[in-house]
Amino acid sequence: MMQHNQIINDVQLILREAQHTAYQSINRAMVQAYWLVGKRIVEDVQQGEAKAGYGKGLLKKLSEELGKEFGKGFSVDNLEKMRLFYLQYSIQQTVSVKLEDESISETLSRKLQIPEFKLSWSHYQMLIRIENKGERAFYEIEAIQNNWSLRELKRQFDSALYMRLALSTDKKGQLSLANEGQIIETAKDSVKDPYILEFLQLPENYRYT
């Protein structure tokens, strides 16, 4: 019986790690793709005359065409988030890595560099709403280092952790308190992320939404 339990534990560990790796791979591809979409939109709008009107018309047209093939994840509002995402996470502000898939580079007619994103699209949608660059970077770093779920990130932001640390002389103590009650998502929970399901064009199902 003891031997059986060890085998079961080992196999469970292997599968959990594989699930986590798969989730990370999907998430990285999705976030990088949205950053590239934002980059392309910004580049095109910058070249257009009457930028404000041109940009609004571009997003509407782009949303209509992308929606036909890729679904509702490319609404005008979501495209605007991708545009803002690129603007706030430009190469100059983040660590860059080369695209691994050369075919993508060829399709875009040149080799591109994109930031190495380590959080989910849900995390970044919240982070781009933080206007202060220092505060935004702080929450991103903390979320990565402490493996914060989106819920935990929101909790820390709502508790004004950044401002409390800025005013506190006991910064280590504040961080220790902030980490209590931390919620760590499993790969199984993470793949239920509606943005992951949407990106993979999987149908919504009440059993996992």
N, C-alpha and C. Protein backbone atom coordinates (compact mmCIF):
# COMPACT_ATOMS: atom_id res chain seq x y z
N MET A 1 0.81 -1.21 0.00
CA MET A 1 0.00 0.00 0.00
C MET A 1 0.85 1.27 0.00
N MET A 2 1.93 1.25 0.79
CA MET A 2 2.83 2.40 0.86
C MET A 2 3.44 2.68 -0.50
N GLN A 3 3.83 1.61 -1.22
CA GLN A 3 4.43 1.77 -2.54
C GLN A 3 3.42 2.34 -3.52
N HIS A 4 2.17 1.88 -3.43
CA HIS A 4 1.13 2.40 -4.31
C HIS A 4 0.91 3.89 -4.07
N ASN A 5 0.90 4.29 -2.83
CA ASN A 5 0.70 5.70 -2.49
C ASN A 5 1.81 6.56 -3.06
N GLN A 6 3.06 6.05 -3.04
CA GLN A 6 4.18 6.81 -3.57
C GLN A 6 4.06 7.00 -5.07
N ILE A 7 3.64 5.94 -5.76
CA ILE A 7 3.46 6.02 -7.21
C ILE A 7 2.38 7.03 -7.56
N ILE A 8 1.27 6.95 -6.82
CA ILE A 8 0.16 7.88 -7.05
C ILE A 8 0.62 9.32 -6.84
N ASN A 9 1.35 9.56 -5.76
CA ASN A 9 1.85 10.92 -5.47
C ASN A 9 2.79 11.41 -6.55
N ASP A 10 3.66 10.52 -7.03
CA ASP A 10 4.63 10.90 -8.07
C ASP A 10 3.92 11.26 -9.38
N VAL A 11 2.95 10.44 -9.77
CA VAL A 11 2.22 10.69 -11.02
C VAL A 11 1.41 11.98 -10.91
N GLN A 12 0.79 12.19 -9.76
CA GLN A 12 0.02 13.43 -9.55
C GLN A 12 0.93 14.65 -9.69
N LEU A 13 2.14 14.56 -9.14
CA LEU A 13 3.09 15.67 -9.22
C LEU A 13 3.50 15.93 -10.67
N ILE A 14 3.76 14.85 -11.41
CA ILE A 14 4.14 14.99 -12.82
C ILE A 14 3.04 15.70 -13.61
N LEU A 15 1.80 15.28 -13.40
CA LEU A 15 0.68 15.85 -14.15
C LEU A 15 0.41 17.30 -13.75
N ARG A 16 0.53 17.61 -12.46
CA ARG A 16 0.33 18.99 -12.02
C ARG A 16 1.37 19.93 -12.62
N GLU A 17 2.62 19.46 -12.66
CA GLU A 17 3.69 20.27 -13.23
C GLU A 17 3.48 20.47 -14.73
N ALA A 18 2.99 19.42 -15.40
CA ALA A 18 2.72 19.52 -16.84
C ALA A 18 1.58 20.50 -17.10
N GLN A 19 0.54 20.45 -16.27
CA GLN A 19 -0.58 21.39 -16.40
C GLN A 19 -0.10 22.83 -16.21
N HIS A 20 0.74 23.02 -15.21
CA HIS A 20 1.25 24.36 -14.92
C HIS A 20 2.10 24.88 -16.08
N THR A 21 2.95 24.00 -16.63
CA THR A 21 3.79 24.38 -17.76
C THR A 21 2.94 24.74 -18.98
N ALA A 22 1.89 23.95 -19.22
CA ALA A 22 1.00 24.20 -20.35
C ALA A 22 0.29 25.54 -20.19
N TYR A 23 -0.18 25.82 -19.00
CA TYR A 23 -0.86 27.09 -18.73
C TYR A 23 0.09 28.26 -18.96
N GLN A 24 1.31 28.14 -18.44
CA GLN A 24 2.28 29.22 -18.60
C GLN A 24 2.58 29.47 -20.07
N SER A 25 2.69 28.40 -20.85
CA SER A 25 2.99 28.53 -22.27
C SER A 25 1.86 29.23 -23.02
N ILE A 26 0.61 28.82 -22.73
CA ILE A 26 -0.54 29.45 -23.37
C ILE A 26 -0.63 30.91 -22.98
N ASN A 27 -0.46 31.18 -21.70
CA ASN A 27 -0.58 32.55 -21.20
C ASN A 27 0.48 33.46 -21.80
N ARG A 28 1.72 32.94 -21.89
CA ARG A 28 2.81 33.75 -22.44
C ARG A 28 2.53 34.09 -23.90
N ALA A 29 2.06 33.10 -24.67
CA ALA A 29 1.76 33.34 -26.07
C ALA A 29 0.63 34.35 -26.23
N MET A 30 -0.39 34.26 -25.39
CA MET A 30 -1.53 35.15 -25.48
C MET A 30 -1.15 36.59 -25.14
N VAL A 31 -0.44 36.76 -24.03
CA VAL A 31 -0.06 38.11 -23.61
C VAL A 31 0.89 38.75 -24.62
N GLN A 32 1.84 37.98 -25.14
CA GLN A 32 2.75 38.51 -26.14
C GLN A 32 2.00 38.90 -27.42
N ALA A 33 1.02 38.08 -27.80
CA ALA A 33 0.23 38.38 -28.99
C ALA A 33 -0.55 39.68 -28.81
N TYR A 34 -1.14 39.88 -27.65
CA TYR A 34 -1.91 41.10 -27.39
C TYR A 34 -0.99 42.33 -27.37
N TRP A 35 0.24 42.14 -26.88
CA TRP A 35 1.21 43.25 -26.88
C TRP A 35 1.56 43.62 -28.33
N LEU A 36 1.73 42.61 -29.17
CA LEU A 36 2.05 42.86 -30.57
C LEU A 36 0.88 43.51 -31.31
N VAL A 37 -0.35 43.09 -30.96
CA VAL A 37 -1.54 43.73 -31.54
C VAL A 37 -1.56 45.21 -31.16
N GLY A 38 -1.31 45.49 -29.88
CA GLY A 38 -1.28 46.88 -29.42
C GLY A 38 -0.20 47.67 -30.12
N LYS A 39 0.95 47.05 -30.32
CA LYS A 39 2.07 47.70 -31.00
C LYS A 39 1.69 48.08 -32.43
N ARG A 40 1.05 47.13 -33.11
CA ARG A 40 0.66 47.38 -34.51
C ARG A 40 -0.36 48.49 -34.61
N ILE A 41 -1.30 48.54 -33.68
CA ILE A 41 -2.32 49.59 -33.67
C ILE A 41 -1.67 50.95 -33.45
N VAL A 42 -0.78 51.03 -32.48
CA VAL A 42 -0.12 52.30 -32.16
C VAL A 42 0.68 52.79 -33.36
N GLU A 43 1.42 51.89 -33.99
CA GLU A 43 2.23 52.28 -35.15
C GLU A 43 1.36 52.82 -36.28
N ASP A 44 0.22 52.19 -36.50
CA ASP A 44 -0.65 52.61 -37.59
C ASP A 44 -1.31 53.95 -37.29
N VAL A 45 -1.78 54.12 -36.06
CA VAL A 45 -2.44 55.36 -35.67
C VAL A 45 -1.47 56.54 -35.73
N GLN A 46 -0.22 56.30 -35.35
CA GLN A 46 0.78 57.36 -35.36
C GLN A 46 1.04 57.88 -36.77
N GLN A 47 0.83 57.02 -37.76
CA GLN A 47 1.07 57.41 -39.14
C GLN A 47 -0.15 58.06 -39.78
N GLY A 48 -1.32 57.90 -39.15
CA GLY A 48 -2.55 58.42 -39.73
C GLY A 48 -2.74 59.90 -39.52
N GLU A 49 -3.42 60.53 -40.43
CA GLU A 49 -3.77 61.94 -40.28
C GLU A 49 -5.04 62.01 -39.45
N ALA A 50 -5.23 63.12 -38.73
CA ALA A 50 -6.38 63.26 -37.84
C ALA A 50 -6.43 62.03 -36.93
N LYS A 51 -5.41 61.87 -36.12
CA LYS A 51 -5.19 60.65 -35.35
C LYS A 51 -6.38 60.18 -34.52
N ALA A 52 -7.03 61.09 -33.80
CA ALA A 52 -8.12 60.69 -32.92
C ALA A 52 -9.25 60.01 -33.70
N GLY A 53 -9.72 60.67 -34.75
CA GLY A 53 -10.79 60.11 -35.55
C GLY A 53 -10.37 58.86 -36.29
N TYR A 54 -9.16 58.86 -36.80
CA TYR A 54 -8.64 57.71 -37.54
C TYR A 54 -8.51 56.50 -36.62
N GLY A 55 -7.98 56.74 -35.41
CA GLY A 55 -7.78 55.65 -34.46
C GLY A 55 -9.08 55.00 -34.06
N LYS A 56 -10.11 55.80 -33.82
CA LYS A 56 -11.42 55.26 -33.42
C LYS A 56 -12.01 54.42 -34.55
N GLY A 57 -11.90 54.92 -35.77
CA GLY A 57 -12.42 54.18 -36.92
C GLY A 57 -11.65 52.89 -37.15
N LEU A 58 -10.34 52.93 -36.95
CA LEU A 58 -9.51 51.74 -37.12
C LEU A 58 -9.91 50.65 -36.14
N LEU A 59 -10.08 50.99 -34.87
CA LEU A 59 -10.43 50.00 -33.86
C LEU A 59 -11.79 49.37 -34.16
N LYS A 60 -12.73 50.17 -34.62
CA LYS A 60 -14.06 49.65 -34.93
C LYS A 60 -13.99 48.65 -36.10
N LYS A 61 -13.26 49.03 -37.14
CA LYS A 61 -13.13 48.16 -38.31
C LYS A 61 -12.36 46.89 -37.95
N LEU A 62 -11.29 47.06 -37.20
CA LEU A 62 -10.47 45.92 -36.79
C LEU A 62 -11.29 44.96 -35.93
N SER A 63 -12.09 45.51 -35.03
CA SER A 63 -12.93 44.69 -34.16
C SER A 63 -13.93 43.87 -34.97
N GLU A 64 -14.53 44.48 -35.96
CA GLU A 64 -15.50 43.78 -36.80
C GLU A 64 -14.87 42.62 -37.54
N GLU A 65 -13.69 42.85 -38.11
CA GLU A 65 -13.03 41.81 -38.91
C GLU A 65 -12.48 40.69 -38.03
N LEU A 66 -11.86 41.05 -36.92
CA LEU A 66 -11.29 40.03 -36.04
C LEU A 66 -12.39 39.20 -35.38
N GLY A 67 -13.50 39.85 -35.09
CA GLY A 67 -14.61 39.15 -34.45
C GLY A 67 -15.15 38.01 -35.30
N LYS A 68 -15.08 38.17 -36.62
CA LYS A 68 -15.58 37.13 -37.52
C LYS A 68 -14.77 35.84 -37.41
N GLU A 69 -13.48 35.98 -37.15
CA GLU A 69 -12.61 34.80 -37.10
C GLU A 69 -12.25 34.38 -35.69
N PHE A 70 -12.02 35.37 -34.80
CA PHE A 70 -11.49 35.06 -33.48
C PHE A 70 -12.47 35.25 -32.32
N GLY A 71 -13.69 35.68 -32.61
CA GLY A 71 -14.69 35.78 -31.55
C GLY A 71 -14.74 37.12 -30.85
N LYS A 72 -15.49 37.14 -29.75
CA LYS A 72 -15.81 38.39 -29.07
C LYS A 72 -14.66 38.99 -28.27
N GLY A 73 -13.54 38.31 -28.18
CA GLY A 73 -12.41 38.82 -27.41
C GLY A 73 -11.76 40.05 -28.01
N PHE A 74 -12.20 40.47 -29.20
CA PHE A 74 -11.57 41.60 -29.86
C PHE A 74 -12.56 42.75 -30.07
N SER A 75 -13.26 43.08 -29.01
CA SER A 75 -14.16 44.23 -29.02
C SER A 75 -13.32 45.50 -29.10
N VAL A 76 -13.96 46.61 -29.40
CA VAL A 76 -13.24 47.89 -29.45
C VAL A 76 -12.59 48.17 -28.10
N ASP A 77 -13.32 47.88 -27.02
CA ASP A 77 -12.79 48.11 -25.68
C ASP A 77 -11.54 47.27 -25.42
N ASN A 78 -11.57 45.99 -25.82
CA ASN A 78 -10.40 45.13 -25.60
C ASN A 78 -9.22 45.55 -26.47
N LEU A 79 -9.48 45.98 -27.68
CA LEU A 79 -8.41 46.46 -28.54
C LEU A 79 -7.77 47.72 -27.96
N GLU A 80 -8.58 48.55 -27.35
CA GLU A 80 -8.05 49.75 -26.70
C GLU A 80 -7.16 49.37 -25.52
N LYS A 81 -7.53 48.31 -24.81
CA LYS A 81 -6.69 47.82 -23.71
C LYS A 81 -5.35 47.32 -24.23
N MET A 82 -5.37 46.65 -25.38
CA MET A 82 -4.12 46.16 -25.97
C MET A 82 -3.23 47.32 -26.40
N ARG A 83 -3.86 48.37 -26.93
CA ARG A 83 -3.11 49.56 -27.33
C ARG A 83 -2.45 50.20 -26.10
N LEU A 84 -3.22 50.33 -25.03
CA LEU A 84 -2.69 50.92 -23.80
C LEU A 84 -1.62 50.02 -23.19
N PHE A 85 -1.83 48.71 -23.28
CA PHE A 85 -0.87 47.73 -22.76
C PHE A 85 0.49 47.93 -23.43
N TYR A 86 0.48 48.08 -24.74
CA TYR A 86 1.74 48.30 -25.44
C TYR A 86 2.40 49.62 -25.01
N LEU A 87 1.61 50.67 -24.93
CA LEU A 87 2.14 51.98 -24.57
C LEU A 87 2.78 51.96 -23.18
N GLN A 88 2.19 51.22 -22.25
CA GLN A 88 2.70 51.21 -20.88
C GLN A 88 3.80 50.18 -20.67
N TYR A 89 3.93 49.25 -21.59
CA TYR A 89 4.96 48.22 -21.47
C TYR A 89 5.82 48.18 -22.74
N SER A 90 6.34 49.32 -23.10
CA SER A 90 7.20 49.40 -24.28
C SER A 90 8.55 48.76 -23.97
N ILE A 91 9.31 48.51 -25.01
CA ILE A 91 10.62 47.86 -24.87
C ILE A 91 11.52 48.63 -23.92
N GLN A 92 11.44 49.94 -23.95
CA GLN A 92 12.32 50.75 -23.13
C GLN A 92 12.07 50.57 -21.64
N GLN A 93 10.85 50.11 -21.29
CA GLN A 93 10.49 50.01 -19.88
C GLN A 93 10.55 48.59 -19.34
N THR A 94 10.82 47.61 -20.21
CA THR A 94 10.79 46.22 -19.76
C THR A 94 11.98 45.45 -20.31
N VAL A 95 12.20 44.27 -19.73
CA VAL A 95 13.25 43.39 -20.22
C VAL A 95 12.79 42.74 -21.51
N SER A 96 13.63 42.73 -22.53
CA SER A 96 13.22 42.24 -23.85
C SER A 96 13.80 40.86 -24.13
N VAL A 97 13.06 40.09 -24.90
CA VAL A 97 13.53 38.79 -25.40
C VAL A 97 13.13 38.66 -26.85
N LYS A 98 13.86 37.87 -27.60
CA LYS A 98 13.54 37.69 -29.01
C LYS A 98 12.39 36.70 -29.16
N LEU A 99 11.61 36.87 -30.17
CA LEU A 99 10.55 35.92 -30.48
C LEU A 99 11.18 34.57 -30.79
N GLU A 100 10.62 33.50 -30.23
CA GLU A 100 11.18 32.17 -30.46
C GLU A 100 10.75 31.62 -31.82
N ASP A 101 9.58 32.00 -32.27
CA ASP A 101 9.05 31.46 -33.52
C ASP A 101 9.45 32.36 -34.68
N GLU A 102 10.39 31.92 -35.48
CA GLU A 102 10.89 32.74 -36.58
C GLU A 102 9.84 33.00 -37.64
N SER A 103 8.86 32.08 -37.77
CA SER A 103 7.82 32.28 -38.78
C SER A 103 6.99 33.52 -38.48
N ILE A 104 6.80 33.82 -37.20
CA ILE A 104 6.07 35.03 -36.83
C ILE A 104 6.88 36.25 -37.25
N SER A 105 8.19 36.20 -37.02
CA SER A 105 9.05 37.31 -37.41
C SER A 105 8.99 37.55 -38.91
N GLU A 106 8.99 36.46 -39.66
CA GLU A 106 8.94 36.60 -41.11
C GLU A 106 7.60 37.18 -41.56
N THR A 107 6.52 36.75 -40.92
CA THR A 107 5.20 37.27 -41.25
C THR A 107 5.14 38.76 -41.01
N LEU A 108 5.78 39.22 -39.97
CA LEU A 108 5.79 40.65 -39.62
C LEU A 108 6.89 41.41 -40.37
N SER A 109 7.59 40.70 -41.24
CA SER A 109 8.62 41.27 -42.13
C SER A 109 9.88 41.75 -41.42
N ARG A 110 10.03 41.40 -40.16
CA ARG A 110 11.27 41.75 -39.46
C ARG A 110 11.29 41.05 -38.11
N LYS A 111 12.47 40.91 -37.58
CA LYS A 111 12.59 40.32 -36.25
C LYS A 111 12.16 41.35 -35.21
N LEU A 112 11.32 40.91 -34.31
CA LEU A 112 10.82 41.81 -33.27
C LEU A 112 11.36 41.38 -31.92
N GLN A 113 11.35 42.31 -31.01
CA GLN A 113 11.65 42.00 -29.63
C GLN A 113 10.42 42.33 -28.81
N ILE A 114 10.10 41.45 -27.87
CA ILE A 114 8.94 41.68 -27.03
C ILE A 114 9.32 41.47 -25.57
N PRO A 115 8.67 42.18 -24.67
CA PRO A 115 8.98 42.01 -23.24
C PRO A 115 8.69 40.60 -22.76
N GLU A 116 9.36 40.22 -21.72
CA GLU A 116 9.14 38.90 -21.13
C GLU A 116 8.07 39.01 -20.06
N PHE A 117 6.84 38.74 -20.41
CA PHE A 117 5.73 38.88 -19.49
C PHE A 117 5.56 37.62 -18.65
N LYS A 118 5.35 37.80 -17.35
CA LYS A 118 5.26 36.66 -16.45
C LYS A 118 3.93 36.56 -15.73
N LEU A 119 3.02 37.48 -16.00
CA LEU A 119 1.70 37.44 -15.38
C LEU A 119 0.63 37.16 -16.43
N SER A 120 -0.58 36.95 -15.99
CA SER A 120 -1.67 36.66 -16.92
C SER A 120 -2.22 37.96 -17.53
N TRP A 121 -2.98 37.81 -18.60
CA TRP A 121 -3.63 38.97 -19.23
C TRP A 121 -4.57 39.65 -18.25
N SER A 122 -5.22 38.86 -17.40
CA SER A 122 -6.12 39.43 -16.39
C SER A 122 -5.33 40.34 -15.44
N HIS A 123 -4.15 39.92 -15.04
CA HIS A 123 -3.30 40.76 -14.18
C HIS A 123 -2.96 42.07 -14.88
N TYR A 124 -2.53 41.96 -16.15
CA TYR A 124 -2.09 43.16 -16.85
C TYR A 124 -3.24 44.12 -17.14
N GLN A 125 -4.43 43.59 -17.31
CA GLN A 125 -5.57 44.49 -17.52
C GLN A 125 -5.80 45.36 -16.29
N MET A 126 -5.52 44.81 -15.13
CA MET A 126 -5.65 45.61 -13.92
C MET A 126 -4.48 46.58 -13.77
N LEU A 127 -3.28 46.09 -14.05
CA LEU A 127 -2.09 46.91 -13.87
C LEU A 127 -2.08 48.15 -14.77
N ILE A 128 -2.60 48.02 -15.99
CA ILE A 128 -2.56 49.18 -16.90
C ILE A 128 -3.49 50.30 -16.44
N ARG A 129 -4.37 50.01 -15.48
CA ARG A 129 -5.24 51.06 -14.95
C ARG A 129 -4.52 51.91 -13.90
N ILE A 130 -3.33 51.45 -13.47
CA ILE A 130 -2.56 52.21 -12.47
C ILE A 130 -1.69 53.23 -13.20
N GLU A 131 -1.98 54.49 -13.04
CA GLU A 131 -1.31 55.54 -13.80
C GLU A 131 0.13 55.78 -13.35
N ASN A 132 0.39 55.69 -12.05
CA ASN A 132 1.73 55.94 -11.53
C ASN A 132 2.66 54.78 -11.93
N LYS A 133 3.71 55.09 -12.71
CA LYS A 133 4.61 54.06 -13.21
C LYS A 133 5.29 53.29 -12.09
N GLY A 134 5.75 54.01 -11.06
CA GLY A 134 6.42 53.36 -9.95
C GLY A 134 5.50 52.42 -9.20
N GLU A 135 4.27 52.86 -8.99
CA GLU A 135 3.29 52.03 -8.29
C GLU A 135 2.94 50.80 -9.13
N ARG A 136 2.76 51.01 -10.42
CA ARG A 136 2.43 49.90 -11.31
C ARG A 136 3.56 48.85 -11.32
N ALA A 137 4.80 49.32 -11.40
CA ALA A 137 5.94 48.40 -11.40
C ALA A 137 6.04 47.65 -10.08
N PHE A 138 5.75 48.34 -8.98
CA PHE A 138 5.79 47.71 -7.66
C PHE A 138 4.83 46.53 -7.58
N TYR A 139 3.58 46.75 -7.98
CA TYR A 139 2.58 45.68 -7.90
C TYR A 139 2.89 44.53 -8.87
N GLU A 140 3.46 44.86 -10.01
CA GLU A 140 3.83 43.81 -10.96
C GLU A 140 4.92 42.93 -10.37
N ILE A 141 5.95 43.55 -9.81
CA ILE A 141 7.06 42.80 -9.22
C ILE A 141 6.58 41.94 -8.05
N GLU A 142 5.76 42.52 -7.19
CA GLU A 142 5.25 41.78 -6.03
C GLU A 142 4.37 40.60 -6.47
N ALA A 143 3.56 40.82 -7.50
CA ALA A 143 2.68 39.76 -7.99
C ALA A 143 3.50 38.60 -8.55
N ILE A 144 4.59 38.92 -9.24
CA ILE A 144 5.45 37.89 -9.81
C ILE A 144 6.20 37.14 -8.71
N GLN A 145 6.82 37.87 -7.80
CA GLN A 145 7.64 37.26 -6.76
C GLN A 145 6.83 36.43 -5.77
N ASN A 146 5.60 36.87 -5.49
CA ASN A 146 4.77 36.20 -4.50
C ASN A 146 3.69 35.31 -5.09
N ASN A 147 3.71 35.18 -6.43
CA ASN A 147 2.73 34.32 -7.11
C ASN A 147 1.30 34.70 -6.75
N TRP A 148 1.00 36.01 -6.80
CA TRP A 148 -0.33 36.49 -6.47
C TRP A 148 -1.32 36.12 -7.56
N SER A 149 -2.47 35.62 -7.17
CA SER A 149 -3.58 35.48 -8.11
C SER A 149 -4.12 36.87 -8.40
N LEU A 150 -5.01 36.97 -9.36
CA LEU A 150 -5.62 38.27 -9.66
C LEU A 150 -6.37 38.78 -8.44
N ARG A 151 -7.06 37.89 -7.75
CA ARG A 151 -7.81 38.30 -6.57
C ARG A 151 -6.90 38.87 -5.49
N GLU A 152 -5.74 38.23 -5.31
CA GLU A 152 -4.79 38.71 -4.31
C GLU A 152 -4.19 40.05 -4.73
N LEU A 153 -3.91 40.21 -6.02
CA LEU A 153 -3.38 41.48 -6.52
C LEU A 153 -4.38 42.61 -6.25
N LYS A 154 -5.64 42.34 -6.55
CA LYS A 154 -6.67 43.35 -6.29
C LYS A 154 -6.78 43.66 -4.80
N ARG A 155 -6.68 42.64 -3.97
CA ARG A 155 -6.76 42.84 -2.52
C ARG A 155 -5.63 43.74 -2.04
N GLN A 156 -4.42 43.48 -2.52
CA GLN A 156 -3.27 44.27 -2.10
C GLN A 156 -3.39 45.71 -2.59
N PHE A 157 -3.87 45.88 -3.81
CA PHE A 157 -4.04 47.22 -4.36
C PHE A 157 -5.12 47.98 -3.60
N ASP A 158 -6.24 47.31 -3.33
CA ASP A 158 -7.33 47.96 -2.60
C ASP A 158 -6.94 48.33 -1.18
N SER A 159 -5.96 47.58 -0.63
CA SER A 159 -5.49 47.90 0.73
C SER A 159 -4.41 48.97 0.72
N ALA A 160 -4.11 49.51 -0.48
CA ALA A 160 -3.11 50.59 -0.63
C ALA A 160 -1.74 50.17 -0.11
N LEU A 161 -1.33 48.94 -0.44
CA LEU A 161 -0.04 48.44 0.03
C LEU A 161 1.11 49.36 -0.37
N TYR A 162 1.11 49.81 -1.60
CA TYR A 162 2.20 50.67 -2.08
C TYR A 162 2.30 51.94 -1.26
N MET A 163 1.17 52.59 -1.02
CA MET A 163 1.17 53.85 -0.26
C MET A 163 1.56 53.60 1.19
N ARG A 164 1.10 52.48 1.76
CA ARG A 164 1.45 52.18 3.15
C ARG A 164 2.94 51.93 3.30
N LEU A 165 3.52 51.24 2.32
CA LEU A 165 4.96 50.99 2.36
C LEU A 165 5.75 52.27 2.18
N ALA A 166 5.24 53.14 1.32
CA ALA A 166 5.92 54.41 1.07
C ALA A 166 5.97 55.27 2.32
N LEU A 167 4.97 55.14 3.18
CA LEU A 167 4.88 55.94 4.40
C LEU A 167 5.43 55.22 5.62
N SER A 168 5.68 53.91 5.49
CA SER A 168 6.09 53.12 6.64
C SER A 168 7.61 53.05 6.78
N THR A 169 8.06 53.02 8.03
CA THR A 169 9.50 52.83 8.27
C THR A 169 9.81 51.34 8.43
N ASP A 170 8.78 50.54 8.65
CA ASP A 170 8.95 49.10 8.81
C ASP A 170 8.45 48.40 7.57
N LYS A 171 9.16 48.55 6.47
CA LYS A 171 8.71 48.01 5.18
C LYS A 171 8.67 46.49 5.17
N LYS A 172 9.64 45.83 5.82
CA LYS A 172 9.64 44.37 5.85
C LYS A 172 8.44 43.85 6.61
N GLY A 173 8.10 44.54 7.69
CA GLY A 173 6.94 44.14 8.47
C GLY A 173 5.66 44.29 7.69
N GLN A 174 5.54 45.36 6.93
CA GLN A 174 4.35 45.59 6.14
C GLN A 174 4.20 44.51 5.06
N LEU A 175 5.32 44.15 4.43
CA LEU A 175 5.27 43.12 3.39
C LEU A 175 4.87 41.77 3.96
N SER A 176 5.37 41.47 5.16
CA SER A 176 5.03 40.21 5.79
C SER A 176 3.54 40.13 6.06
N LEU A 177 2.96 41.21 6.55
CA LEU A 177 1.52 41.25 6.80
C LEU A 177 0.74 41.14 5.50
N ALA A 178 1.25 41.79 4.46
CA ALA A 178 0.55 41.81 3.18
C ALA A 178 0.45 40.42 2.57
N ASN A 179 1.45 39.57 2.87
CA ASN A 179 1.47 38.24 2.27
C ASN A 179 0.57 37.24 2.98
N GLU A 180 0.04 37.60 4.15
CA GLU A 180 -0.86 36.69 4.86
C GLU A 180 -2.18 36.58 4.10
N GLY A 181 -2.70 35.39 4.05
CA GLY A 181 -3.96 35.19 3.34
C GLY A 181 -3.78 35.12 1.85
N GLN A 182 -2.55 34.89 1.42
CA GLN A 182 -2.24 34.84 -0.01
C GLN A 182 -2.97 33.69 -0.68
N ILE A 183 -3.52 33.95 -1.84
CA ILE A 183 -4.27 32.95 -2.60
C ILE A 183 -3.42 32.52 -3.80
N ILE A 184 -3.06 31.25 -3.86
CA ILE A 184 -2.25 30.74 -4.97
C ILE A 184 -3.12 29.86 -5.85
N GLU A 185 -3.23 30.23 -7.10
CA GLU A 185 -4.04 29.47 -8.03
C GLU A 185 -3.31 28.23 -8.51
N THR A 186 -4.04 27.14 -8.68
CA THR A 186 -3.46 25.93 -9.27
C THR A 186 -3.60 26.03 -10.78
N ALA A 187 -2.88 25.15 -11.49
CA ALA A 187 -2.99 25.16 -12.96
C ALA A 187 -4.43 24.88 -13.38
N LYS A 188 -5.11 24.00 -12.62
CA LYS A 188 -6.49 23.66 -12.93
C LYS A 188 -7.39 24.88 -12.82
N ASP A 189 -7.16 25.69 -11.76
CA ASP A 189 -7.95 26.91 -11.59
C ASP A 189 -7.61 27.93 -12.65
N SER A 190 -6.33 28.04 -12.98
CA SER A 190 -5.88 29.06 -13.92
C SER A 190 -6.43 28.86 -15.31
N VAL A 191 -6.54 27.59 -15.74
CA VAL A 191 -7.00 27.35 -17.10
C VAL A 191 -8.48 27.69 -17.25
N LYS A 192 -9.19 27.91 -16.13
CA LYS A 192 -10.58 28.35 -16.18
C LYS A 192 -10.68 29.84 -16.46
N ASP A 193 -9.55 30.52 -16.43
CA ASP A 193 -9.53 31.95 -16.73
C ASP A 193 -10.28 32.20 -18.03
N PRO A 194 -11.33 33.02 -18.01
CA PRO A 194 -12.13 33.24 -19.23
C PRO A 194 -11.31 33.78 -20.39
N TYR A 195 -10.23 34.49 -20.12
CA TYR A 195 -9.41 35.03 -21.20
C TYR A 195 -8.60 33.92 -21.88
N ILE A 196 -8.18 32.89 -21.10
CA ILE A 196 -7.49 31.75 -21.68
C ILE A 196 -8.47 30.98 -22.57
N LEU A 197 -9.67 30.73 -22.06
CA LEU A 197 -10.68 30.01 -22.83
C LEU A 197 -11.02 30.76 -24.10
N GLU A 198 -11.13 32.07 -23.98
CA GLU A 198 -11.49 32.91 -25.12
C GLU A 198 -10.38 32.90 -26.17
N PHE A 199 -9.14 33.00 -25.71
CA PHE A 199 -8.00 33.03 -26.61
C PHE A 199 -7.91 31.73 -27.41
N LEU A 200 -8.21 30.60 -26.77
CA LEU A 200 -8.15 29.30 -27.43
C LEU A 200 -9.43 29.00 -28.21
N GLN A 201 -10.38 29.95 -28.17
CA GLN A 201 -11.66 29.80 -28.85
C GLN A 201 -12.41 28.56 -28.38
N LEU A 202 -12.35 28.31 -27.06
CA LEU A 202 -13.10 27.21 -26.47
C LEU A 202 -14.47 27.70 -26.06
N PRO A 203 -15.51 26.90 -26.26
CA PRO A 203 -16.86 27.34 -25.91
C PRO A 203 -17.03 27.51 -24.41
N GLU A 204 -17.83 28.48 -24.00
CA GLU A 204 -18.11 28.68 -22.58
C GLU A 204 -18.96 27.53 -22.08
N ASN A 205 -18.71 27.12 -20.85
CA ASN A 205 -19.44 26.00 -20.26
C ASN A 205 -19.65 26.29 -18.80
N TYR A 206 -20.87 26.11 -18.33
CA TYR A 206 -21.17 26.45 -16.94
C TYR A 206 -20.36 25.61 -15.95
N ARG A 207 -19.84 24.46 -16.41
CA ARG A 207 -19.10 23.59 -15.51
C ARG A 207 -17.74 24.17 -15.13
N TYR A 208 -17.20 25.08 -15.97
CA TYR A 208 -15.88 25.63 -15.61
C TYR A 208 -15.81 27.13 -15.69
N THR A 209 -16.96 27.81 -15.75
CA THR A 209 -16.95 29.28 -15.75
C THR A 209 -17.58 29.79 -14.49
